[in-house]
N, C-alpha and C. Protein backbone atom coordinates (compact mmCIF):
# COMPACT_ATOMS: atom_id res chain seq x y z
N MET A 1 1.97 -55.52 15.20
CA MET A 1 1.83 -55.36 13.77
C MET A 1 0.57 -54.55 13.49
N LYS A 2 0.71 -53.51 12.74
CA LYS A 2 -0.40 -52.62 12.46
C LYS A 2 -1.06 -53.00 11.14
N ASP A 3 -2.38 -53.02 11.13
CA ASP A 3 -3.14 -53.34 9.92
C ASP A 3 -3.37 -52.05 9.14
N ASP A 4 -2.64 -51.88 8.03
CA ASP A 4 -2.74 -50.66 7.23
C ASP A 4 -3.66 -50.80 6.03
N LYS A 5 -4.37 -51.91 5.93
CA LYS A 5 -5.27 -52.09 4.79
C LYS A 5 -6.38 -51.04 4.85
N ARG A 6 -6.59 -50.40 3.76
CA ARG A 6 -7.65 -49.39 3.67
C ARG A 6 -8.85 -50.02 2.97
N LYS A 7 -9.89 -50.25 3.72
CA LYS A 7 -11.10 -50.83 3.16
C LYS A 7 -12.08 -49.71 2.84
N GLU A 8 -12.70 -49.85 1.71
CA GLU A 8 -13.68 -48.87 1.30
C GLU A 8 -14.98 -49.13 2.06
N THR A 9 -15.64 -48.08 2.50
CA THR A 9 -16.88 -48.27 3.24
C THR A 9 -17.97 -48.80 2.32
N LEU A 10 -18.92 -49.48 2.92
CA LEU A 10 -20.03 -50.03 2.16
C LEU A 10 -20.79 -48.92 1.43
N GLU A 11 -20.95 -47.79 2.07
CA GLU A 11 -21.70 -46.68 1.46
C GLU A 11 -21.00 -46.15 0.21
N LYS A 12 -19.67 -46.02 0.27
CA LYS A 12 -18.94 -45.52 -0.90
C LYS A 12 -18.98 -46.52 -2.04
N LEU A 13 -18.81 -47.79 -1.72
CA LEU A 13 -18.85 -48.81 -2.75
C LEU A 13 -20.25 -48.92 -3.36
N GLU A 14 -21.24 -48.79 -2.52
CA GLU A 14 -22.63 -48.81 -2.98
C GLU A 14 -22.90 -47.65 -3.94
N GLN A 15 -22.41 -46.46 -3.61
CA GLN A 15 -22.60 -45.30 -4.48
C GLN A 15 -21.91 -45.50 -5.82
N LYS A 16 -20.71 -46.06 -5.81
CA LYS A 16 -20.01 -46.36 -7.07
C LYS A 16 -20.81 -47.35 -7.90
N MET A 17 -21.39 -48.36 -7.23
CA MET A 17 -22.21 -49.34 -7.94
C MET A 17 -23.44 -48.67 -8.57
N PHE A 18 -24.11 -47.82 -7.80
CA PHE A 18 -25.28 -47.12 -8.33
C PHE A 18 -24.90 -46.24 -9.52
N ASP A 19 -23.75 -45.59 -9.46
CA ASP A 19 -23.29 -44.77 -10.58
C ASP A 19 -23.09 -45.62 -11.83
N GLN A 20 -22.47 -46.79 -11.67
CA GLN A 20 -22.24 -47.68 -12.81
C GLN A 20 -23.56 -48.21 -13.37
N LEU A 21 -24.51 -48.54 -12.50
CA LEU A 21 -25.80 -49.03 -12.97
C LEU A 21 -26.56 -47.94 -13.72
N THR A 22 -26.45 -46.71 -13.25
CA THR A 22 -27.09 -45.59 -13.96
C THR A 22 -26.47 -45.40 -15.33
N LYS A 23 -25.14 -45.53 -15.43
CA LYS A 23 -24.47 -45.44 -16.73
C LYS A 23 -24.92 -46.55 -17.67
N ALA A 24 -25.29 -47.69 -17.12
CA ALA A 24 -25.75 -48.83 -17.93
C ALA A 24 -27.25 -48.74 -18.22
N ALA A 25 -27.86 -47.60 -17.92
CA ALA A 25 -29.27 -47.31 -18.20
C ALA A 25 -30.22 -48.18 -17.37
N ILE A 26 -29.81 -48.50 -16.14
CA ILE A 26 -30.67 -49.24 -15.21
C ILE A 26 -31.39 -48.22 -14.33
N ASP A 27 -32.70 -48.26 -14.30
CA ASP A 27 -33.49 -47.40 -13.43
C ASP A 27 -33.41 -47.96 -12.01
N LEU A 28 -32.71 -47.28 -11.12
CA LEU A 28 -32.46 -47.79 -9.78
C LEU A 28 -33.75 -47.99 -8.98
N ASN A 29 -34.73 -47.15 -9.19
CA ASN A 29 -35.98 -47.26 -8.43
C ASN A 29 -36.86 -48.42 -8.89
N LYS A 30 -36.74 -48.82 -10.15
CA LYS A 30 -37.58 -49.88 -10.69
C LYS A 30 -36.90 -51.24 -10.74
N TYR A 31 -35.58 -51.29 -10.98
CA TYR A 31 -34.93 -52.55 -11.31
C TYR A 31 -33.80 -52.99 -10.39
N VAL A 32 -33.62 -52.32 -9.26
CA VAL A 32 -32.60 -52.71 -8.29
C VAL A 32 -33.28 -52.95 -6.95
N PHE A 33 -33.09 -54.16 -6.41
CA PHE A 33 -33.76 -54.56 -5.18
C PHE A 33 -32.74 -55.08 -4.17
N ILE A 34 -32.91 -54.74 -2.90
CA ILE A 34 -32.07 -55.31 -1.85
C ILE A 34 -32.67 -56.66 -1.46
N LEU A 35 -31.86 -57.71 -1.56
CA LEU A 35 -32.31 -59.04 -1.17
C LEU A 35 -32.00 -59.36 0.28
N ASN A 36 -30.84 -58.87 0.76
CA ASN A 36 -30.40 -59.26 2.08
C ASN A 36 -29.42 -58.23 2.61
N MET A 37 -29.56 -57.89 3.89
CA MET A 37 -28.60 -57.03 4.57
C MET A 37 -28.05 -57.83 5.74
N MET A 38 -26.73 -57.76 5.96
CA MET A 38 -26.14 -58.54 7.04
C MET A 38 -24.99 -57.78 7.68
N SER A 39 -24.68 -58.17 8.89
CA SER A 39 -23.51 -57.63 9.57
C SER A 39 -22.99 -58.68 10.53
N HIS A 40 -21.72 -58.56 10.89
CA HIS A 40 -21.13 -59.47 11.84
C HIS A 40 -19.99 -58.78 12.58
N LEU A 41 -19.77 -59.24 13.78
CA LEU A 41 -18.67 -58.73 14.60
C LEU A 41 -17.57 -59.78 14.58
N GLN A 42 -16.39 -59.36 14.18
CA GLN A 42 -15.24 -60.27 14.15
C GLN A 42 -14.33 -59.91 15.32
N TYR A 43 -14.17 -60.84 16.24
CA TYR A 43 -13.31 -60.64 17.40
C TYR A 43 -11.89 -61.02 17.03
N ARG A 44 -10.97 -60.16 17.31
CA ARG A 44 -9.56 -60.42 17.05
C ARG A 44 -8.78 -60.26 18.34
N TRP A 45 -8.06 -61.27 18.69
CA TRP A 45 -7.26 -61.23 19.89
C TRP A 45 -6.07 -60.31 19.68
N LEU A 46 -5.83 -59.41 20.58
CA LEU A 46 -4.75 -58.41 20.54
C LEU A 46 -4.89 -57.40 19.41
N ARG A 47 -6.03 -57.35 18.80
CA ARG A 47 -6.30 -56.34 17.76
C ARG A 47 -7.67 -55.74 18.01
N LYS A 48 -7.93 -54.72 17.28
CA LYS A 48 -9.24 -54.07 17.38
C LYS A 48 -10.31 -54.97 16.75
N ASP A 49 -11.45 -55.08 17.41
CA ASP A 49 -12.56 -55.83 16.85
C ASP A 49 -13.05 -55.13 15.58
N GLU A 50 -13.58 -55.90 14.66
CA GLU A 50 -14.09 -55.33 13.41
C GLU A 50 -15.55 -55.70 13.23
N ILE A 51 -16.32 -54.76 12.74
CA ILE A 51 -17.71 -55.02 12.41
C ILE A 51 -17.81 -54.98 10.89
N GLY A 52 -18.24 -56.09 10.31
CA GLY A 52 -18.39 -56.16 8.86
C GLY A 52 -19.86 -56.07 8.50
N SER A 53 -20.13 -55.57 7.33
CA SER A 53 -21.51 -55.49 6.87
C SER A 53 -21.54 -55.73 5.36
N GLY A 54 -22.69 -56.09 4.88
CA GLY A 54 -22.83 -56.35 3.46
C GLY A 54 -24.29 -56.32 3.04
N LYS A 55 -24.49 -56.23 1.76
CA LYS A 55 -25.83 -56.25 1.19
C LYS A 55 -25.79 -57.07 -0.09
N LYS A 56 -26.88 -57.75 -0.36
CA LYS A 56 -27.03 -58.45 -1.63
C LYS A 56 -28.15 -57.77 -2.41
N TYR A 57 -27.88 -57.56 -3.69
CA TYR A 57 -28.84 -56.89 -4.55
C TYR A 57 -29.29 -57.80 -5.68
N GLN A 58 -30.48 -57.55 -6.16
CA GLN A 58 -30.96 -58.19 -7.39
C GLN A 58 -31.17 -57.06 -8.39
N ILE A 59 -30.61 -57.25 -9.59
CA ILE A 59 -30.70 -56.25 -10.65
C ILE A 59 -31.43 -56.88 -11.82
N LEU A 60 -32.47 -56.23 -12.30
CA LEU A 60 -33.24 -56.74 -13.42
C LEU A 60 -32.79 -56.02 -14.70
N ALA A 61 -32.30 -56.80 -15.67
CA ALA A 61 -31.89 -56.26 -16.97
C ALA A 61 -32.71 -56.97 -18.04
N HIS A 62 -33.11 -56.23 -19.07
CA HIS A 62 -34.02 -56.78 -20.07
C HIS A 62 -33.34 -57.29 -21.33
N ASP A 63 -32.05 -57.06 -21.47
CA ASP A 63 -31.37 -57.56 -22.67
C ASP A 63 -29.91 -57.84 -22.38
N ALA A 64 -29.28 -58.59 -23.26
CA ALA A 64 -27.89 -59.01 -23.07
C ALA A 64 -26.93 -57.83 -23.10
N ALA A 65 -27.21 -56.83 -23.89
CA ALA A 65 -26.32 -55.68 -23.97
C ALA A 65 -26.26 -54.94 -22.63
N THR A 66 -27.40 -54.84 -21.96
CA THR A 66 -27.44 -54.18 -20.65
C THR A 66 -26.70 -55.02 -19.61
N VAL A 67 -26.87 -56.34 -19.66
CA VAL A 67 -26.16 -57.23 -18.74
C VAL A 67 -24.65 -57.06 -18.91
N ARG A 68 -24.20 -56.98 -20.16
CA ARG A 68 -22.77 -56.79 -20.43
C ARG A 68 -22.28 -55.47 -19.83
N LYS A 69 -23.06 -54.40 -20.00
CA LYS A 69 -22.68 -53.10 -19.44
C LYS A 69 -22.61 -53.15 -17.91
N VAL A 70 -23.55 -53.86 -17.29
CA VAL A 70 -23.56 -53.99 -15.83
C VAL A 70 -22.31 -54.74 -15.37
N TYR A 71 -22.03 -55.90 -16.00
CA TYR A 71 -20.85 -56.68 -15.62
C TYR A 71 -19.56 -55.87 -15.79
N GLU A 72 -19.43 -55.18 -16.91
CA GLU A 72 -18.22 -54.38 -17.15
C GLU A 72 -18.09 -53.25 -16.14
N GLY A 73 -19.20 -52.57 -15.86
CA GLY A 73 -19.17 -51.47 -14.90
C GLY A 73 -18.80 -51.92 -13.51
N LEU A 74 -19.38 -53.06 -13.06
CA LEU A 74 -19.06 -53.57 -11.74
C LEU A 74 -17.64 -54.10 -11.67
N HIS A 75 -17.16 -54.67 -12.76
CA HIS A 75 -15.78 -55.13 -12.81
C HIS A 75 -14.81 -53.93 -12.71
N ASN A 76 -15.15 -52.82 -13.34
CA ASN A 76 -14.30 -51.63 -13.31
C ASN A 76 -14.13 -51.05 -11.91
N ILE A 77 -15.13 -51.24 -11.05
CA ILE A 77 -15.02 -50.72 -9.68
C ILE A 77 -14.66 -51.84 -8.70
N LYS A 78 -14.24 -52.97 -9.25
CA LYS A 78 -13.72 -54.10 -8.47
C LYS A 78 -14.76 -54.76 -7.59
N ILE A 79 -15.99 -54.84 -8.09
CA ILE A 79 -17.02 -55.68 -7.45
C ILE A 79 -17.03 -56.97 -8.25
N SER A 80 -16.57 -58.04 -7.63
CA SER A 80 -16.39 -59.28 -8.38
C SER A 80 -17.38 -60.38 -7.97
N ASP A 81 -18.04 -60.22 -6.85
CA ASP A 81 -18.95 -61.27 -6.38
C ASP A 81 -20.33 -61.04 -6.98
N ILE A 82 -20.45 -61.30 -8.28
CA ILE A 82 -21.71 -61.08 -8.98
C ILE A 82 -22.19 -62.33 -9.65
């Protein structure tokens, strides 16, 4: 059985997130911080091994309107773990 799922790379998803944060008027250099970077190797019997990676970010927003824009923007690009 072939795994045809197309997963988006972390770099592409990260760039989409940065684009949405910029649209929400978040200064990436001042208000976006990496909290944690992780990776893991998933061994699969009779399949190709997979290496997963992830990052956790902290975003500082100063008002409710900006928070709403951030949530909507991340929802639009299907980032739901916020």
